[in-house]
Amino acid sequence: YVATEDGSVGTKGNVMDAIRENQLEADIIYACGPTPMLRAIS
């Protein structure tokens, strides 16, 4: 799945918006990216 800030591809917004929009679930998470993104994921 893809998220783009301007909504040109996939979900408009960030990765957390894509997770919520597509109702994604998992048992374990691996993440890499800018600090605000990692803070939200954590």
ModelCIF file with pLDDT and N, C-alpha, C, O atoms, coordinates in Angstrom:
data_MODEL
#
_entry.id   MODEL 
#
_entity.id                         1 
_entity.type                       polymer 
_entity.pdbx_number_of_molecules   1 
#
_entity_poly.entity_id                      1 
_entity_poly.type                           'polypeptide(L)' 
_entity_poly.nstd_linkage                   no 
_entity_poly.nstd_monomer                   no 
_entity_poly.pdbx_seq_one_letter_code       YVATEDGSVGTKGNVMDAIRENQLEADIIYACGPTPMLRAIS 
_entity_poly.pdbx_seq_one_letter_code_can   YVATEDGSVGTKGNVMDAIRENQLEADIIYACGPTPMLRAIS 
_entity_poly.pdbx_strand_id                 A 
#
loop_
_entity_poly_seq.entity_id 
_entity_poly_seq.num 
_entity_poly_seq.mon_id 
_entity_poly_seq.hetero 
1 1  TYR n 
1 2  VAL n 
1 3  ALA n 
1 4  THR n 
1 5  GLU n 
1 6  ASP n 
1 7  GLY n 
1 8  SER n 
1 9  VAL n 
1 10 GLY n 
1 11 THR n 
1 12 LYS n 
1 13 GLY n 
1 14 ASN n 
1 15 VAL n 
1 16 MET n 
1 17 ASP n 
1 18 ALA n 
1 19 ILE n 
1 20 ARG n 
1 21 GLU n 
1 22 ASN n 
1 23 GLN n 
1 24 LEU n 
1 25 GLU n 
1 26 ALA n 
1 27 ASP n 
1 28 ILE n 
1 29 ILE n 
1 30 TYR n 
1 31 ALA n 
1 32 CYS n 
1 33 GLY n 
1 34 PRO n 
1 35 THR n 
1 36 PRO n 
1 37 MET n 
1 38 LEU n 
1 39 ARG n 
1 40 ALA n 
1 41 ILE n 
1 42 SER n 
#
_struct_asym.id          A 
_struct_asym.entity_id   1 
#
loop_
_ma_qa_metric.id 
_ma_qa_metric.mode 
_ma_qa_metric.name 
_ma_qa_metric.software_group_id 
_ma_qa_metric.type 
1 global pLDDT . pLDDT 
2 local  pLDDT . pLDDT 
#
_ma_qa_metric_global.metric_id      1 
_ma_qa_metric_global.metric_value   97.10 
_ma_qa_metric_global.model_id       1 
_ma_qa_metric_global.ordinal_id     1 
#
loop_
_ma_qa_metric_local.label_asym_id 
_ma_qa_metric_local.label_comp_id 
_ma_qa_metric_local.label_seq_id 
_ma_qa_metric_local.metric_id 
_ma_qa_metric_local.metric_value 
_ma_qa_metric_local.model_id 
_ma_qa_metric_local.ordinal_id 
A TYR 1  2 98.00 1 1  
A VAL 2  2 98.00 1 2  
A ALA 3  2 98.00 1 3  
A THR 4  2 98.00 1 4  
A GLU 5  2 97.00 1 5  
A ASP 6  2 97.00 1 6  
A GLY 7  2 97.00 1 7  
A SER 8  2 98.00 1 8  
A VAL 9  2 97.00 1 9  
A GLY 10 2 98.00 1 10 
A THR 11 2 98.00 1 11 
A LYS 12 2 98.00 1 12 
A GLY 13 2 98.00 1 13 
A ASN 14 2 97.00 1 14 
A VAL 15 2 98.00 1 15 
A MET 16 2 98.00 1 16 
A ASP 17 2 98.00 1 17 
A ALA 18 2 98.00 1 18 
A ILE 19 2 98.00 1 19 
A ARG 20 2 97.00 1 20 
A GLU 21 2 98.00 1 21 
A ASN 22 2 98.00 1 22 
A GLN 23 2 97.00 1 23 
A LEU 24 2 98.00 1 24 
A GLU 25 2 97.00 1 25 
A ALA 26 2 97.00 1 26 
A ASP 27 2 98.00 1 27 
A ILE 28 2 98.00 1 28 
A ILE 29 2 98.00 1 29 
A TYR 30 2 98.00 1 30 
A ALA 31 2 97.00 1 31 
A CYS 32 2 96.00 1 32 
A GLY 33 2 95.00 1 33 
A PRO 34 2 94.00 1 34 
A THR 35 2 92.00 1 35 
A PRO 36 2 95.00 1 36 
A MET 37 2 96.00 1 37 
A LEU 38 2 96.00 1 38 
A ARG 39 2 95.00 1 39 
A ALA 40 2 97.00 1 40 
A ILE 41 2 98.00 1 41 
A SER 42 2 96.00 1 42 
#
loop_
_atom_site.group_PDB 
_atom_site.id 
_atom_site.type_symbol 
_atom_site.label_atom_id 
_atom_site.label_alt_id 
_atom_site.label_comp_id 
_atom_site.label_asym_id 
_atom_site.label_entity_id 
_atom_site.label_seq_id 
_atom_site.pdbx_PDB_ins_code 
_atom_site.Cartn_x 
_atom_site.Cartn_y 
_atom_site.Cartn_z 
_atom_site.occupancy 
_atom_site.B_iso_or_equiv 
_atom_site.pdbx_formal_charge 
_atom_site.auth_seq_id 
_atom_site.auth_comp_id 
_atom_site.auth_asym_id 
_atom_site.auth_atom_id 
_atom_site.pdbx_PDB_model_num 
ATOM 1   N N  . TYR A 1 1  ? 0.836  -1.194 0.000  1.00 98.00 ? 1  TYR A N  1 
ATOM 2   C CA . TYR A 1 1  ? 0.000  0.000  0.000  1.00 98.00 ? 1  TYR A CA 1 
ATOM 3   C C  . TYR A 1 1  ? 0.875  1.249  0.000  1.00 98.00 ? 1  TYR A C  1 
ATOM 4   O O  . TYR A 1 1  ? 1.991  1.249  0.519  1.00 98.00 ? 1  TYR A O  1 
ATOM 5   N N  . VAL A 1 2  ? 0.337  2.314  -0.597 1.00 98.00 ? 2  VAL A N  1 
ATOM 6   C CA . VAL A 1 2  ? 1.068  3.574  -0.714 1.00 98.00 ? 2  VAL A CA 1 
ATOM 7   C C  . VAL A 1 2  ? 0.249  4.706  -0.114 1.00 98.00 ? 2  VAL A C  1 
ATOM 8   O O  . VAL A 1 2  ? -0.973 4.757  -0.258 1.00 98.00 ? 2  VAL A O  1 
ATOM 9   N N  . ALA A 1 3  ? 0.947  5.611  0.562  1.00 98.00 ? 3  ALA A N  1 
ATOM 10  C CA . ALA A 1 3  ? 0.346  6.875  1.002  1.00 98.00 ? 3  ALA A CA 1 
ATOM 11  C C  . ALA A 1 3  ? 1.175  8.006  0.414  1.00 98.00 ? 3  ALA A C  1 
ATOM 12  O O  . ALA A 1 3  ? 2.404  7.937  0.417  1.00 98.00 ? 3  ALA A O  1 
ATOM 13  N N  . THR A 1 4  ? 0.523  9.044  -0.089 1.00 98.00 ? 4  THR A N  1 
ATOM 14  C CA . THR A 1 4  ? 1.231  10.229 -0.572 1.00 98.00 ? 4  THR A CA 1 
ATOM 15  C C  . THR A 1 4  ? 0.646  11.466 0.103  1.00 98.00 ? 4  THR A C  1 
ATOM 16  O O  . THR A 1 4  ? -0.560 11.557 0.329  1.00 98.00 ? 4  THR A O  1 
ATOM 17  N N  . GLU A 1 5  ? 1.515  12.402 0.416  1.00 97.00 ? 5  GLU A N  1 
ATOM 18  C CA . GLU A 1 5  ? 1.080  13.603 1.125  1.00 97.00 ? 5  GLU A CA 1 
ATOM 19  C C  . GLU A 1 5  ? 0.052  14.396 0.326  1.00 97.00 ? 5  GLU A C  1 
ATOM 20  O O  . GLU A 1 5  ? -0.869 14.981 0.897  1.00 97.00 ? 5  GLU A O  1 
ATOM 21  N N  . ASP A 1 6  ? 0.215  14.413 -1.018 1.00 97.00 ? 6  ASP A N  1 
ATOM 22  C CA . ASP A 1 6  ? -0.716 15.199 -1.838 1.00 97.00 ? 6  ASP A CA 1 
ATOM 23  C C  . ASP A 1 6  ? -1.873 14.370 -2.393 1.00 97.00 ? 6  ASP A C  1 
ATOM 24  O O  . ASP A 1 6  ? -2.714 14.894 -3.123 1.00 97.00 ? 6  ASP A O  1 
ATOM 25  N N  . GLY A 1 7  ? -1.923 13.080 -2.053 1.00 97.00 ? 7  GLY A N  1 
ATOM 26  C CA . GLY A 1 7  ? -3.026 12.234 -2.498 1.00 97.00 ? 7  GLY A CA 1 
ATOM 27  C C  . GLY A 1 7  ? -2.960 11.823 -3.950 1.00 97.00 ? 7  GLY A C  1 
ATOM 28  O O  . GLY A 1 7  ? -3.942 11.301 -4.477 1.00 97.00 ? 7  GLY A O  1 
ATOM 29  N N  . SER A 1 8  ? -1.836 12.041 -4.618 1.00 98.00 ? 8  SER A N  1 
ATOM 30  C CA . SER A 1 8  ? -1.728 11.721 -6.044 1.00 98.00 ? 8  SER A CA 1 
ATOM 31  C C  . SER A 1 8  ? -1.698 10.220 -6.310 1.00 98.00 ? 8  SER A C  1 
ATOM 32  O O  . SER A 1 8  ? -2.072 9.780  -7.397 1.00 98.00 ? 8  SER A O  1 
ATOM 33  N N  . VAL A 1 9  ? -1.259 9.427  -5.332 1.00 97.00 ? 9  VAL A N  1 
ATOM 34  C CA . VAL A 1 9  ? -1.253 7.968  -5.450 1.00 97.00 ? 9  VAL A CA 1 
ATOM 35  C C  . VAL A 1 9  ? -1.669 7.381  -4.106 1.00 97.00 ? 9  VAL A C  1 
ATOM 36  O O  . VAL A 1 9  ? -1.233 7.847  -3.054 1.00 97.00 ? 9  VAL A O  1 
ATOM 37  N N  . GLY A 1 10 ? -2.505 6.368  -4.150 1.00 98.00 ? 10 GLY A N  1 
ATOM 38  C CA . GLY A 1 10 ? -2.882 5.686  -2.913 1.00 98.00 ? 10 GLY A CA 1 
ATOM 39  C C  . GLY A 1 10 ? -3.672 6.564  -1.967 1.00 98.00 ? 10 GLY A C  1 
ATOM 40  O O  . GLY A 1 10 ? -4.480 7.391  -2.390 1.00 98.00 ? 10 GLY A O  1 
ATOM 41  N N  . THR A 1 11 ? -3.428 6.373  -0.680 1.00 98.00 ? 11 THR A N  1 
ATOM 42  C CA . THR A 1 11 ? -4.125 7.133  0.356  1.00 98.00 ? 11 THR A CA 1 
ATOM 43  C C  . THR A 1 11 ? -3.546 8.529  0.477  1.00 98.00 ? 11 THR A C  1 
ATOM 44  O O  . THR A 1 11 ? -2.326 8.694  0.475  1.00 98.00 ? 11 THR A O  1 
ATOM 45  N N  . LYS A 1 12 ? -4.394 9.529  0.580  1.00 98.00 ? 12 LYS A N  1 
ATOM 46  C CA . LYS A 1 12 ? -3.913 10.882 0.826  1.00 98.00 ? 12 LYS A CA 1 
ATOM 47  C C  . LYS A 1 12 ? -3.580 11.032 2.296  1.00 98.00 ? 12 LYS A C  1 
ATOM 48  O O  . LYS A 1 12 ? -4.420 10.795 3.163  1.00 98.00 ? 12 LYS A O  1 
ATOM 49  N N  . GLY A 1 13 ? -2.341 11.430 2.570  1.00 98.00 ? 13 GLY A N  1 
ATOM 50  C CA . GLY A 1 13 ? -1.919 11.585 3.954  1.00 98.00 ? 13 GLY A CA 1 
ATOM 51  C C  . GLY A 1 13 ? -0.637 10.818 4.224  1.00 98.00 ? 13 GLY A C  1 
ATOM 52  O O  . GLY A 1 13 ? 0.240  10.722 3.365  1.00 98.00 ? 13 GLY A O  1 
ATOM 53  N N  . ASN A 1 14 ? -0.541 10.270 5.434  1.00 97.00 ? 14 ASN A N  1 
ATOM 54  C CA . ASN A 1 14 ? 0.667  9.552  5.816  1.00 97.00 ? 14 ASN A CA 1 
ATOM 55  C C  . ASN A 1 14 ? 0.403  8.053  5.948  1.00 97.00 ? 14 ASN A C  1 
ATOM 56  O O  . ASN A 1 14 ? -0.696 7.578  5.662  1.00 97.00 ? 14 ASN A O  1 
ATOM 57  N N  . VAL A 1 15 ? 1.412  7.324  6.380  1.00 98.00 ? 15 VAL A N  1 
ATOM 58  C CA . VAL A 1 15 ? 1.277  5.864  6.455  1.00 98.00 ? 15 VAL A CA 1 
ATOM 59  C C  . VAL A 1 15 ? 0.208  5.435  7.460  1.00 98.00 ? 15 VAL A C  1 
ATOM 60  O O  . VAL A 1 15 ? -0.459 4.421  7.254  1.00 98.00 ? 15 VAL A O  1 
ATOM 61  N N  . MET A 1 16 ? 0.039  6.191  8.535  1.00 98.00 ? 16 MET A N  1 
ATOM 62  C CA . MET A 1 16 ? -1.000 5.843  9.503  1.00 98.00 ? 16 MET A CA 1 
ATOM 63  C C  . MET A 1 16 ? -2.380 6.017  8.883  1.00 98.00 ? 16 MET A C  1 
ATOM 64  O O  . MET A 1 16 ? -3.292 5.249  9.190  1.00 98.00 ? 16 MET A O  1 
ATOM 65  N N  . ASP A 1 17 ? -2.551 7.013  8.017  1.00 98.00 ? 17 ASP A N  1 
ATOM 66  C CA . ASP A 1 17 ? -3.820 7.187  7.313  1.00 98.00 ? 17 ASP A CA 1 
ATOM 67  C C  . ASP A 1 17 ? -4.098 5.990  6.410  1.00 98.00 ? 17 ASP A C  1 
ATOM 68  O O  . ASP A 1 17 ? -5.239 5.539  6.309  1.00 98.00 ? 17 ASP A O  1 
ATOM 69  N N  . ALA A 1 18 ? -3.048 5.467  5.746  1.00 98.00 ? 18 ALA A N  1 
ATOM 70  C CA . ALA A 1 18 ? -3.209 4.302  4.872  1.00 98.00 ? 18 ALA A CA 1 
ATOM 71  C C  . ALA A 1 18 ? -3.566 3.055  5.670  1.00 98.00 ? 18 ALA A C  1 
ATOM 72  O O  . ALA A 1 18 ? -4.366 2.233  5.224  1.00 98.00 ? 18 ALA A O  1 
ATOM 73  N N  . ILE A 1 19 ? -2.972 2.917  6.851  1.00 98.00 ? 19 ILE A N  1 
ATOM 74  C CA . ILE A 1 19 ? -3.270 1.771  7.712  1.00 98.00 ? 19 ILE A CA 1 
ATOM 75  C C  . ILE A 1 19 ? -4.728 1.794  8.140  1.00 98.00 ? 19 ILE A C  1 
ATOM 76  O O  . ILE A 1 19 ? -5.412 0.770  8.115  1.00 98.00 ? 19 ILE A O  1 
ATOM 77  N N  . ARG A 1 20 ? -5.200 2.980  8.537  1.00 97.00 ? 20 ARG A N  1 
ATOM 78  C CA . ARG A 1 20 ? -6.599 3.094  8.973  1.00 97.00 ? 20 ARG A CA 1 
ATOM 79  C C  . ARG A 1 20 ? -7.566 2.927  7.796  1.00 97.00 ? 20 ARG A C  1 
ATOM 80  O O  . ARG A 1 20 ? -8.574 2.229  7.916  1.00 97.00 ? 20 ARG A O  1 
ATOM 81  N N  . GLU A 1 21 ? -7.265 3.560  6.669  1.00 98.00 ? 21 GLU A N  1 
ATOM 82  C CA . GLU A 1 21 ? -8.164 3.504  5.514  1.00 98.00 ? 21 GLU A CA 1 
ATOM 83  C C  . GLU A 1 21 ? -8.345 2.075  5.014  1.00 98.00 ? 21 GLU A C  1 
ATOM 84  O O  . GLU A 1 21 ? -9.447 1.682  4.632  1.00 98.00 ? 21 GLU A O  1 
ATOM 85  N N  . ASN A 1 22 ? -7.264 1.299  5.017  1.00 98.00 ? 22 ASN A N  1 
ATOM 86  C CA . ASN A 1 22 ? -7.310 -0.069 4.502  1.00 98.00 ? 22 ASN A CA 1 
ATOM 87  C C  . ASN A 1 22 ? -7.521 -1.115 5.593  1.00 98.00 ? 22 ASN A C  1 
ATOM 88  O O  . ASN A 1 22 ? -7.475 -2.318 5.338  1.00 98.00 ? 22 ASN A O  1 
ATOM 89  N N  . GLN A 1 23 ? -7.754 -0.625 6.826  1.00 97.00 ? 23 GLN A N  1 
ATOM 90  C CA . GLN A 1 23 ? -8.028 -1.493 7.979  1.00 97.00 ? 23 GLN A CA 1 
ATOM 91  C C  . GLN A 1 23 ? -6.981 -2.606 8.093  1.00 97.00 ? 23 GLN A C  1 
ATOM 92  O O  . GLN A 1 23 ? -7.311 -3.786 8.217  1.00 97.00 ? 23 GLN A O  1 
ATOM 93  N N  . LEU A 1 24 ? -5.728 -2.198 8.049  1.00 98.00 ? 24 LEU A N  1 
ATOM 94  C CA . LEU A 1 24 ? -4.626 -3.154 8.097  1.00 98.00 ? 24 LEU A CA 1 
ATOM 95  C C  . LEU A 1 24 ? -4.305 -3.525 9.536  1.00 98.00 ? 24 LEU A C  1 
ATOM 96  O O  . LEU A 1 24 ? -4.369 -2.696 10.444 1.00 98.00 ? 24 LEU A O  1 
ATOM 97  N N  . GLU A 1 25 ? -3.959 -4.785 9.716  1.00 97.00 ? 25 GLU A N  1 
ATOM 98  C CA . GLU A 1 25 ? -3.609 -5.277 11.045 1.00 97.00 ? 25 GLU A CA 1 
ATOM 99  C C  . GLU A 1 25 ? -2.375 -6.171 10.948 1.00 97.00 ? 25 GLU A C  1 
ATOM 100 O O  . GLU A 1 25 ? -2.082 -6.737 9.895  1.00 97.00 ? 25 GLU A O  1 
ATOM 101 N N  . ALA A 1 26 ? -1.661 -6.284 12.061 1.00 97.00 ? 26 ALA A N  1 
ATOM 102 C CA . ALA A 1 26 ? -0.477 -7.145 12.086 1.00 97.00 ? 26 ALA A CA 1 
ATOM 103 C C  . ALA A 1 26 ? -0.137 -7.496 13.527 1.00 97.00 ? 26 ALA A C  1 
ATOM 104 O O  . ALA A 1 26 ? -0.628 -6.872 14.468 1.00 97.00 ? 26 ALA A O  1 
ATOM 105 N N  . ASP A 1 27 ? 0.711  -8.507 13.681 1.00 98.00 ? 27 ASP A N  1 
ATOM 106 C CA . ASP A 1 27 ? 1.152  -8.938 15.008 1.00 98.00 ? 27 ASP A CA 1 
ATOM 107 C C  . ASP A 1 27 ? 2.473  -8.304 15.406 1.00 98.00 ? 27 ASP A C  1 
ATOM 108 O O  . ASP A 1 27 ? 2.804  -8.233 16.590 1.00 98.00 ? 27 ASP A O  1 
ATOM 109 N N  . ILE A 1 28 ? 3.229  -7.843 14.413 1.00 98.00 ? 28 ILE A N  1 
ATOM 110 C CA . ILE A 1 28 ? 4.535  -7.241 14.668 1.00 98.00 ? 28 ILE A CA 1 
ATOM 111 C C  . ILE A 1 28 ? 4.790  -6.177 13.601 1.00 98.00 ? 28 ILE A C  1 
ATOM 112 O O  . ILE A 1 28 ? 4.390  -6.337 12.448 1.00 98.00 ? 28 ILE A O  1 
ATOM 113 N N  . ILE A 1 29 ? 5.453  -5.100 13.991 1.00 98.00 ? 29 ILE A N  1 
ATOM 114 C CA . ILE A 1 29 ? 5.700  -3.973 13.095 1.00 98.00 ? 29 ILE A CA 1 
ATOM 115 C C  . ILE A 1 29 ? 7.195  -3.711 12.985 1.00 98.00 ? 29 ILE A C  1 
ATOM 116 O O  . ILE A 1 29 ? 7.933  -3.772 13.968 1.00 98.00 ? 29 ILE A O  1 
ATOM 117 N N  . TYR A 1 30 ? 7.622  -3.415 11.754 1.00 98.00 ? 30 TYR A N  1 
ATOM 118 C CA . TYR A 1 30 ? 8.981  -2.935 11.496 1.00 98.00 ? 30 TYR A CA 1 
ATOM 119 C C  . TYR A 1 30 ? 8.841  -1.608 10.768 1.00 98.00 ? 30 TYR A C  1 
ATOM 120 O O  . TYR A 1 30 ? 8.070  -1.507 9.814  1.00 98.00 ? 30 TYR A O  1 
ATOM 121 N N  . ALA A 1 31 ? 9.580  -0.581 11.205 1.00 97.00 ? 31 ALA A N  1 
ATOM 122 C CA . ALA A 1 31 ? 9.400  0.735  10.599 1.00 97.00 ? 31 ALA A CA 1 
ATOM 123 C C  . ALA A 1 31 ? 10.707 1.506  10.500 1.00 97.00 ? 31 ALA A C  1 
ATOM 124 O O  . ALA A 1 31 ? 11.601 1.362  11.335 1.00 97.00 ? 31 ALA A O  1 
ATOM 125 N N  . CYS A 1 32 ? 10.796 2.327  9.460  1.00 96.00 ? 32 CYS A N  1 
ATOM 126 C CA . CYS A 1 32 ? 11.937 3.228  9.281  1.00 96.00 ? 32 CYS A CA 1 
ATOM 127 C C  . CYS A 1 32 ? 11.452 4.483  8.592  1.00 96.00 ? 32 CYS A C  1 
ATOM 128 O O  . CYS A 1 32 ? 10.711 4.408  7.612  1.00 96.00 ? 32 CYS A O  1 
ATOM 129 N N  . GLY A 1 33 ? 11.859 5.637  9.093  1.00 95.00 ? 33 GLY A N  1 
ATOM 130 C CA . GLY A 1 33 ? 11.433 6.884  8.483  1.00 95.00 ? 33 GLY A CA 1 
ATOM 131 C C  . GLY A 1 33 ? 11.686 8.061  9.398  1.00 95.00 ? 33 GLY A C  1 
ATOM 132 O O  . GLY A 1 33 ? 12.394 7.927  10.396 1.00 95.00 ? 33 GLY A O  1 
ATOM 133 N N  . PRO A 1 34 ? 11.117 9.219  9.076  1.00 94.00 ? 34 PRO A N  1 
ATOM 134 C CA . PRO A 1 34 ? 11.331 10.414 9.891  1.00 94.00 ? 34 PRO A CA 1 
ATOM 135 C C  . PRO A 1 34 ? 10.737 10.265 11.287 1.00 94.00 ? 34 PRO A C  1 
ATOM 136 O O  . PRO A 1 34 ? 9.812  9.483  11.507 1.00 94.00 ? 34 PRO A O  1 
ATOM 137 N N  . THR A 1 35 ? 11.284 11.026 12.215 1.00 92.00 ? 35 THR A N  1 
ATOM 138 C CA . THR A 1 35 ? 10.898 10.901 13.629 1.00 92.00 ? 35 THR A CA 1 
ATOM 139 C C  . THR A 1 35 ? 9.402  11.067 13.886 1.00 92.00 ? 35 THR A C  1 
ATOM 140 O O  . THR A 1 35 ? 8.845  10.268 14.638 1.00 92.00 ? 35 THR A O  1 
ATOM 141 N N  . PRO A 1 36 ? 8.713  12.063 13.302 1.00 95.00 ? 36 PRO A N  1 
ATOM 142 C CA . PRO A 1 36 ? 7.272  12.178 13.571 1.00 95.00 ? 36 PRO A CA 1 
ATOM 143 C C  . PRO A 1 36 ? 6.502  10.922 13.169 1.00 95.00 ? 36 PRO A C  1 
ATOM 144 O O  . PRO A 1 36 ? 5.559  10.527 13.855 1.00 95.00 ? 36 PRO A O  1 
ATOM 145 N N  . MET A 1 37 ? 6.898  10.289 12.056 1.00 96.00 ? 37 MET A N  1 
ATOM 146 C CA . MET A 1 37 ? 6.252  9.054  11.617 1.00 96.00 ? 37 MET A CA 1 
ATOM 147 C C  . MET A 1 37 ? 6.493  7.941  12.624 1.00 96.00 ? 37 MET A C  1 
ATOM 148 O O  . MET A 1 37 ? 5.563  7.224  12.995 1.00 96.00 ? 37 MET A O  1 
ATOM 149 N N  . LEU A 1 38 ? 7.738  7.792  13.069 1.00 96.00 ? 38 LEU A N  1 
ATOM 150 C CA . LEU A 1 38 ? 8.068  6.728  14.015 1.00 96.00 ? 38 LEU A CA 1 
ATOM 151 C C  . LEU A 1 38 ? 7.376  6.954  15.362 1.00 96.00 ? 38 LEU A C  1 
ATOM 152 O O  . LEU A 1 38 ? 6.983  6.003  16.038 1.00 96.00 ? 38 LEU A O  1 
ATOM 153 N N  . ARG A 1 39 ? 7.236  8.208  15.734 1.00 95.00 ? 39 ARG A N  1 
ATOM 154 C CA . ARG A 1 39 ? 6.549  8.524  16.991 1.00 95.00 ? 39 ARG A CA 1 
ATOM 155 C C  . ARG A 1 39 ? 5.085  8.083  16.919 1.00 95.00 ? 39 ARG A C  1 
ATOM 156 O O  . ARG A 1 39 ? 4.554  7.515  17.874 1.00 95.00 ? 39 ARG A O  1 
ATOM 157 N N  . ALA A 1 40 ? 4.439  8.346  15.786 1.00 97.00 ? 40 ALA A N  1 
ATOM 158 C CA . ALA A 1 40 ? 3.036  7.957  15.619 1.00 97.00 ? 40 ALA A CA 1 
ATOM 159 C C  . ALA A 1 40 ? 2.885  6.437  15.580 1.00 97.00 ? 40 ALA A C  1 
ATOM 160 O O  . ALA A 1 40 ? 1.947  5.886  16.156 1.00 97.00 ? 40 ALA A O  1 
ATOM 161 N N  . ILE A 1 41 ? 3.807  5.767  14.902 1.00 98.00 ? 41 ILE A N  1 
ATOM 162 C CA . ILE A 1 41 ? 3.755  4.306  14.815 1.00 98.00 ? 41 ILE A CA 1 
ATOM 163 C C  . ILE A 1 41 ? 3.979  3.674  16.175 1.00 98.00 ? 41 ILE A C  1 
ATOM 164 O O  . ILE A 1 41 ? 3.294  2.719  16.542 1.00 98.00 ? 41 ILE A O  1 
ATOM 165 N N  . SER A 1 42 ? 4.937  4.205  16.925 1.00 96.00 ? 42 SER A N  1 
ATOM 166 C CA . SER A 1 42 ? 5.218  3.670  18.258 1.00 96.00 ? 42 SER A CA 1 
ATOM 167 C C  . SER A 1 42 ? 4.013  3.810  19.181 1.00 96.00 ? 42 SER A C  1 
ATOM 168 O O  . SER A 1 42 ? 4.076  3.409  20.344 1.00 96.00 ? 42 SER A O  1 
#
